[in-house]
């Protein structure tokens, strides 16, 4: 090899080295993402006691990025958790035109996951009952919810897992504020409408952007929802775009909003059902939650209250779970 060649290597080795470096970097970032998702889902499960010993968890799988990611992470946690629980994936085939009914069974068989496909023609009902141009979500979700509750009974499932993430929960908070006149969000765990089931949202702490990255990395066979996905002017989409713009301009704002949902002070709101304003009298006893209305609030981004999605008490339990 000439001295000139040694100093200026040919472009082929340089390109190969760059490609290897990119692959190494991508692998490193993907591993970080995987660990972060497992940690956040594990923490949510521990914080809200979502999954317990002996649970049979019905994972609702739509064919979208959120439910695929939820299933993947729950399977990972199942393999290493200190408790035993079952997972069964359930898909509701609503008989939408062009729905690729072979995709999910093939995917689940390949992963070795127990599954059940429930076939119910809710598409025709929704299209018949809802006038053209009106929002389809309300009736569609009610029909879907009732069917899933029935299926959970038939499969003897103790928990129903839905794939809503942090951004969905914040969207719901603002939708209820803007259009419903309620300070009401989407809880990480709740009792079902019929009082017979517990619904959980293991992705409650997860940033939607991480789900997008993870699903692209895993190359999930995404099935688009043609029923409501074409309704571009949905209020939920508009609120979602608002939150994305905030996140772009003010990184960390959505995390702080999620923390706010976990740090509610009823005495500083206006709901008399949650705080007895009428009977309130001065008692001469100082309280840290007293009136600070005349003080200038400090919103330091490094405030201790905004450093983690929940208290530190559950941290050790999370480590054991994940």
Protein backbone atom coordinates (compact mmCIF):
# COMPACT_ATOMS: atom_id res chain seq x y z
CA UNK A 1 0.00 0.00 0.00
CA UNK A 2 1.38 3.44 -0.90
CA UNK A 3 1.87 6.12 1.72
CA UNK A 4 -0.79 8.23 -0.04
CA UNK A 5 -3.31 5.37 0.15
CA UNK A 6 -2.60 4.91 3.85
CA UNK A 7 -3.27 8.58 4.51
CA UNK A 8 -6.34 8.77 2.26
CA UNK A 9 -8.18 5.42 2.46
CA UNK A 10 -10.56 4.55 -0.34
CA UNK A 11 -14.21 5.61 0.07
CA UNK A 12 -15.47 2.00 0.33
CA UNK A 13 -13.89 1.31 3.78
CA UNK A 14 -14.99 4.74 5.01
CA UNK A 15 -18.57 4.11 3.92
CA UNK A 16 -18.55 0.67 5.54
CA UNK A 17 -17.17 2.09 8.78
CA UNK A 18 -19.81 4.83 8.80
CA UNK A 19 -22.55 2.28 8.20
CA UNK A 20 -21.29 0.13 11.08
CA UNK A 21 -21.14 3.15 13.35
CA UNK A 22 -24.74 4.10 12.44
CA UNK A 23 -25.93 0.56 13.13
CA UNK A 24 -24.15 0.54 16.50
CA UNK A 25 -25.64 3.91 17.44
CA UNK A 26 -29.13 2.82 16.38
CA UNK A 27 -28.82 -0.40 18.38
CA UNK A 28 -27.72 1.56 21.46
CA UNK A 29 -30.62 4.02 21.14
CA UNK A 30 -33.15 1.23 20.56
CA UNK A 31 -31.94 -0.62 23.65
CA UNK A 32 -32.30 2.58 25.68
CA UNK A 33 -35.82 3.00 24.32
CA UNK A 34 -36.75 -0.58 25.19
CA UNK A 35 -35.48 -0.18 28.76
CA UNK A 36 -37.28 3.15 29.16
CA UNK A 37 -40.59 1.69 28.01
CA UNK A 38 -40.24 -1.30 30.35
CA UNK A 39 -39.35 1.02 33.22
CA UNK A 40 -42.26 3.41 32.63
CA UNK A 41 -44.84 0.66 32.13
CA UNK A 42 -43.50 -1.23 35.14
CA UNK A 43 -43.71 1.92 37.26
CA UNK A 44 -47.30 2.60 36.22
CA UNK A 45 -48.25 -1.00 37.05
CA UNK A 46 -46.68 -0.70 40.51
CA UNK A 47 -47.95 2.82 41.25
CA UNK A 48 -51.57 1.87 40.56
CA UNK A 49 -51.43 -1.86 41.39
CA UNK A 50 -52.64 -2.64 37.87
CA UNK A 51 -51.63 -6.31 37.71
CA UNK A 52 -51.72 -8.75 40.63
CA UNK A 53 -50.82 -12.35 41.31
CA UNK A 54 -52.96 -14.74 39.26
CA UNK A 55 -54.49 -12.06 37.00
CA UNK A 56 -55.66 -13.01 33.53
CA UNK A 57 -55.07 -9.85 31.51
CA UNK A 58 -57.05 -9.25 28.34
CA UNK A 59 -54.84 -7.07 26.12
CA UNK A 60 -57.04 -5.25 23.63
CA UNK A 61 -55.19 -5.31 20.31
CA UNK A 62 -56.48 -3.03 17.54
CA UNK A 63 -53.59 -3.37 15.13
CA UNK A 64 -52.30 0.14 15.87
CA UNK A 65 -48.90 1.18 17.21
CA UNK A 66 -50.14 1.72 20.77
CA UNK A 67 -51.67 -1.71 21.34
CA UNK A 68 -48.77 -3.52 19.62
CA UNK A 69 -46.31 -1.71 21.90
CA UNK A 70 -48.40 -2.42 25.00
CA UNK A 71 -48.52 -6.13 24.18
CA UNK A 72 -44.77 -6.31 23.55
CA UNK A 73 -43.84 -4.57 26.80
CA UNK A 74 -46.32 -6.57 28.90
CA UNK A 75 -44.86 -9.79 27.49
CA UNK A 76 -41.36 -8.63 28.44
CA UNK A 77 -42.49 -7.74 31.96
CA UNK A 78 -44.41 -11.00 32.31
CA UNK A 79 -41.20 -12.92 31.70
CA UNK A 80 -39.33 -11.17 34.52
CA UNK A 81 -42.03 -10.07 37.01
CA UNK A 82 -42.03 -11.49 40.56
CA UNK A 83 -45.69 -12.47 40.14
CA UNK A 84 -47.48 -14.85 37.77
CA UNK A 85 -50.14 -13.53 35.43
CA UNK A 86 -51.59 -14.58 32.08
CA UNK A 87 -51.92 -12.55 28.90
CA UNK A 88 -54.50 -13.10 26.18
CA UNK A 89 -54.68 -10.74 23.21
CA UNK A 90 -58.15 -9.88 21.96
CA UNK A 91 -59.05 -8.16 18.71
CA UNK A 92 -62.51 -6.95 17.76
CA UNK A 93 -63.03 -7.37 14.02
CA UNK A 94 -65.68 -4.71 13.36
CA UNK A 95 -66.09 -5.78 9.73
CA UNK A 96 -64.77 -2.59 8.25
CA UNK A 97 -64.44 -2.84 4.46
CA UNK A 98 -60.95 -3.96 3.48
CA UNK A 99 -59.93 -4.98 7.01
CA UNK A 100 -57.00 -7.44 6.62
CA UNK A 101 -58.35 -10.14 8.90
CA UNK A 102 -55.32 -12.42 8.46
CA UNK A 103 -52.71 -9.94 9.76
CA UNK A 104 -53.26 -10.15 13.51
CA UNK A 105 -53.74 -13.94 13.76
CA UNK A 106 -50.53 -14.49 11.78
CA UNK A 107 -48.61 -11.99 13.93
CA UNK A 108 -49.86 -13.46 17.22
CA UNK A 109 -49.22 -17.04 16.17
CA UNK A 110 -45.67 -16.07 15.21
CA UNK A 111 -45.15 -14.54 18.68
CA UNK A 112 -46.74 -17.53 20.42
CA UNK A 113 -49.36 -15.39 22.17
CA UNK A 114 -52.77 -16.71 23.19
CA UNK A 115 -55.42 -14.75 21.33
CA UNK A 116 -59.10 -14.45 20.50
CA UNK A 117 -60.64 -12.68 17.50
CA UNK A 118 -64.18 -11.46 18.14
CA UNK A 119 -66.16 -10.79 14.97
CA UNK A 120 -69.00 -8.27 15.31
CA UNK A 121 -70.31 -6.03 12.53
CA UNK A 122 -70.39 -2.75 14.45
CA UNK A 123 -69.27 -0.92 11.30
CA UNK A 124 -72.68 -1.30 9.64
CA UNK A 125 -74.49 -0.20 12.81
CA UNK A 126 -72.36 2.94 13.17
CA UNK A 127 -72.69 3.90 9.51
CA UNK A 128 -76.45 3.35 9.65
CA UNK A 129 -77.09 5.29 12.86
CA UNK A 130 -74.70 8.26 12.53
CA UNK A 131 -75.55 10.94 9.93
CA UNK A 132 -72.88 11.59 7.32
CA UNK A 133 -70.31 14.12 8.47
CA UNK A 134 -70.97 13.56 12.18
CA UNK A 135 -68.40 12.12 14.59
CA UNK A 136 -68.49 8.32 14.70
CA UNK A 137 -66.38 7.81 17.83
CA UNK A 138 -69.07 8.00 20.51
CA UNK A 139 -71.34 5.22 19.23
CA UNK A 140 -68.41 3.14 17.98
CA UNK A 141 -66.67 3.22 21.37
CA UNK A 142 -69.87 2.36 23.26
CA UNK A 143 -70.52 -0.65 21.06
CA UNK A 144 -66.90 -1.76 21.24
CA UNK A 145 -66.81 -1.35 25.03
CA UNK A 146 -69.90 -3.47 25.58
CA UNK A 147 -68.55 -6.25 23.38
CA UNK A 148 -65.16 -6.26 25.08
CA UNK A 149 -66.77 -6.47 28.54
CA UNK A 150 -68.76 -9.50 27.39
CA UNK A 151 -65.68 -11.13 25.90
CA UNK A 152 -63.75 -10.50 29.12
CA UNK A 153 -66.45 -12.41 31.00
CA UNK A 154 -66.41 -15.28 28.52
CA UNK A 155 -62.61 -15.55 28.69
CA UNK A 156 -62.64 -15.19 32.50
CA UNK A 157 -60.26 -12.23 32.35
CA UNK A 158 -59.72 -10.23 35.54
CA UNK A 159 -58.19 -7.14 33.94
CA UNK A 160 -58.79 -5.36 30.61
CA UNK A 161 -55.69 -3.55 29.31
CA UNK A 162 -56.13 -0.62 26.92
CA UNK A 163 -53.35 1.08 24.96
CA UNK A 164 -53.96 4.72 25.89
CA UNK A 165 -50.74 6.62 26.60
CA UNK A 166 -49.73 9.85 28.32
CA UNK A 167 -50.71 12.05 25.39
CA UNK A 168 -54.16 10.42 25.13
CA UNK A 169 -54.75 11.09 28.82
CA UNK A 170 -53.81 14.75 28.50
CA UNK A 171 -55.96 15.13 25.39
CA UNK A 172 -58.92 13.79 27.33
CA UNK A 173 -58.29 16.26 30.16
CA UNK A 174 -58.42 19.21 27.77
CA UNK A 175 -61.37 17.84 25.79
CA UNK A 176 -63.40 17.63 28.99
CA UNK A 177 -62.32 21.13 30.02
CA UNK A 178 -62.97 22.74 26.65
CA UNK A 179 -66.12 20.93 25.58
CA UNK A 180 -67.52 19.14 28.65
CA UNK A 181 -67.10 21.70 31.42
CA UNK A 182 -65.41 19.12 33.65
CA UNK A 183 -61.99 18.77 35.22
CA UNK A 184 -61.85 15.10 34.26
CA UNK A 185 -59.17 13.04 32.61
CA UNK A 186 -58.56 9.43 31.66
CA UNK A 187 -57.58 7.39 34.73
CA UNK A 188 -54.80 4.78 34.66
CA UNK A 189 -57.11 2.30 36.39
CA UNK A 190 -60.88 2.26 36.80
CA UNK A 191 -63.90 0.12 37.38
CA UNK A 192 -65.86 -0.60 34.21
CA UNK A 193 -69.29 0.87 33.51
CA UNK A 194 -71.02 -2.35 34.54
CA UNK A 195 -69.02 -2.59 37.78
CA UNK A 196 -67.74 -6.04 36.90
CA UNK A 197 -64.29 -5.38 35.43
CA UNK A 198 -61.10 -3.44 36.13
CA UNK A 199 -59.72 -1.52 33.17
CA UNK A 200 -56.01 -0.62 33.18
CA UNK A 201 -53.83 1.61 31.02
CA UNK A 202 -50.23 0.38 31.38
CA UNK A 203 -48.89 3.04 28.95
CA UNK A 204 -50.09 5.87 31.20
CA UNK A 205 -46.57 7.30 31.67
CA UNK A 206 -45.37 6.73 28.10
CA UNK A 207 -44.65 9.54 25.62
CA UNK A 208 -46.36 8.87 22.28
CA UNK A 209 -43.14 9.71 20.43
CA UNK A 210 -41.44 6.74 22.11
CA UNK A 211 -44.27 4.48 20.96
CA UNK A 212 -43.86 5.70 17.38
CA UNK A 213 -40.12 4.98 17.49
CA UNK A 214 -40.58 1.58 19.10
CA UNK A 215 -43.25 0.47 16.64
CA UNK A 216 -41.11 1.54 13.69
CA UNK A 217 -38.14 -0.33 15.13
CA UNK A 218 -40.21 -3.49 15.65
CA UNK A 219 -41.83 -3.11 12.21
CA UNK A 220 -45.28 -3.83 13.55
CA UNK A 221 -47.84 -4.70 10.84
CA UNK A 222 -49.99 -1.60 11.40
CA UNK A 223 -53.65 -1.81 10.45
CA UNK A 224 -55.11 1.67 9.80
CA UNK A 225 -58.57 2.50 11.15
CA UNK A 226 -60.56 3.58 8.10
CA UNK A 227 -63.70 4.11 10.14
CA UNK A 228 -62.64 7.19 12.09
CA UNK A 229 -59.09 7.79 10.87
CA UNK A 230 -60.37 9.79 7.92
CA UNK A 231 -62.17 12.34 10.11
CA UNK A 232 -59.45 14.96 10.12
CA UNK A 233 -61.42 17.64 12.02
CA UNK A 234 -62.10 15.61 15.13
CA UNK A 235 -61.77 17.72 18.29
CA UNK A 236 -59.39 15.13 19.71
CA UNK A 237 -57.03 15.58 16.75
CA UNK A 238 -57.14 19.35 17.14
CA UNK A 239 -56.31 19.13 20.84
CA UNK A 240 -53.59 16.59 20.04
CA UNK A 241 -52.01 19.00 17.56
CA UNK A 242 -52.11 21.73 20.21
CA UNK A 243 -50.25 19.50 22.68
CA UNK A 244 -47.66 18.54 20.07
CA UNK A 245 -47.03 22.20 19.35
CA UNK A 246 -46.57 22.90 23.04
CA UNK A 247 -44.16 20.00 23.33
CA UNK A 248 -42.18 21.32 20.38
CA UNK A 249 -41.96 24.85 21.75
CA UNK A 250 -41.69 23.98 25.45
CA UNK A 251 -40.00 20.58 25.98
CA UNK A 252 -41.14 18.92 29.20
CA UNK A 253 -44.47 20.74 29.40
CA UNK A 254 -46.51 17.57 28.84
CA UNK A 255 -44.59 15.76 31.59
CA UNK A 256 -45.38 18.60 33.99
CA UNK A 257 -49.05 18.42 33.02
CA UNK A 258 -49.08 14.70 33.79
CA UNK A 259 -47.47 15.40 37.17
CA UNK A 260 -50.22 17.96 37.84
CA UNK A 261 -52.82 15.22 37.48
CA UNK A 262 -51.03 13.40 40.32
CA UNK A 263 -50.79 16.46 42.57
CA UNK A 264 -54.35 17.73 42.93
CA UNK A 265 -55.18 20.27 45.66
CA UNK A 266 -59.00 20.32 46.02
CA UNK A 267 -58.91 23.26 48.46
CA UNK A 268 -57.50 25.41 45.66
CA UNK A 269 -60.11 24.53 43.08
CA UNK A 270 -63.84 25.34 43.20
CA UNK A 271 -65.65 22.02 43.62
CA UNK A 272 -67.64 22.17 46.85
CA UNK A 273 -68.22 18.41 46.65
CA UNK A 274 -64.49 17.83 47.13
CA UNK A 275 -63.80 20.58 49.67
CA UNK A 276 -66.14 22.02 52.33
CA UNK A 277 -65.82 25.71 51.54
CA UNK A 278 -69.08 26.64 53.34
CA UNK A 279 -67.94 25.39 56.73
CA UNK A 280 -64.40 26.77 56.41
CA UNK A 281 -63.45 29.00 59.37
CA UNK A 282 -60.20 30.41 60.71
CA UNK A 283 -58.85 28.13 63.45
CA UNK A 284 -55.52 29.77 64.18
CA UNK A 285 -53.56 26.74 62.97
CA UNK A 286 -50.99 27.29 60.21
CA UNK A 287 -51.26 25.06 57.15
CA UNK A 288 -48.83 24.63 54.24
CA UNK A 289 -51.82 24.60 51.85
CA UNK A 290 -53.10 27.93 53.08
CA UNK A 291 -53.77 31.05 51.03
CA UNK A 292 -50.75 32.07 48.99
CA UNK A 293 -52.83 33.98 46.49
CA UNK A 294 -50.95 37.21 47.13
CA UNK A 295 -47.54 35.63 46.54
CA UNK A 296 -45.81 35.44 43.21
CA UNK A 297 -45.75 31.80 42.16
CA UNK A 298 -42.39 30.29 41.29
CA UNK A 299 -42.44 27.83 38.41
CA UNK A 300 -38.82 26.74 38.39
CA UNK A 301 -38.48 23.85 35.91
CA UNK A 302 -36.17 22.11 38.38
CA UNK A 303 -38.88 22.05 41.07
CA UNK A 304 -38.65 18.77 42.99
CA UNK A 305 -42.37 18.12 42.43
CA UNK A 306 -41.80 17.87 38.71
CA UNK A 307 -38.84 15.55 38.57
CA UNK A 308 -40.66 12.21 38.35
CA UNK A 309 -44.13 10.92 37.43
CA UNK A 310 -44.74 9.65 40.95
CA UNK A 311 -43.15 9.50 44.38
CA UNK A 312 -39.93 7.68 45.08
CA UNK A 313 -41.56 5.15 47.44
CA UNK A 314 -42.49 2.83 44.58
CA UNK A 315 -39.06 2.97 42.91
CA UNK A 316 -37.68 -0.14 44.58
CA UNK A 317 -40.85 -2.08 43.75
CA UNK A 318 -40.55 -1.05 40.11
CA UNK A 319 -37.01 -2.39 39.94
CA UNK A 320 -38.25 -5.71 41.26
CA UNK A 321 -41.14 -5.78 38.79
CA UNK A 322 -39.16 -4.92 35.67
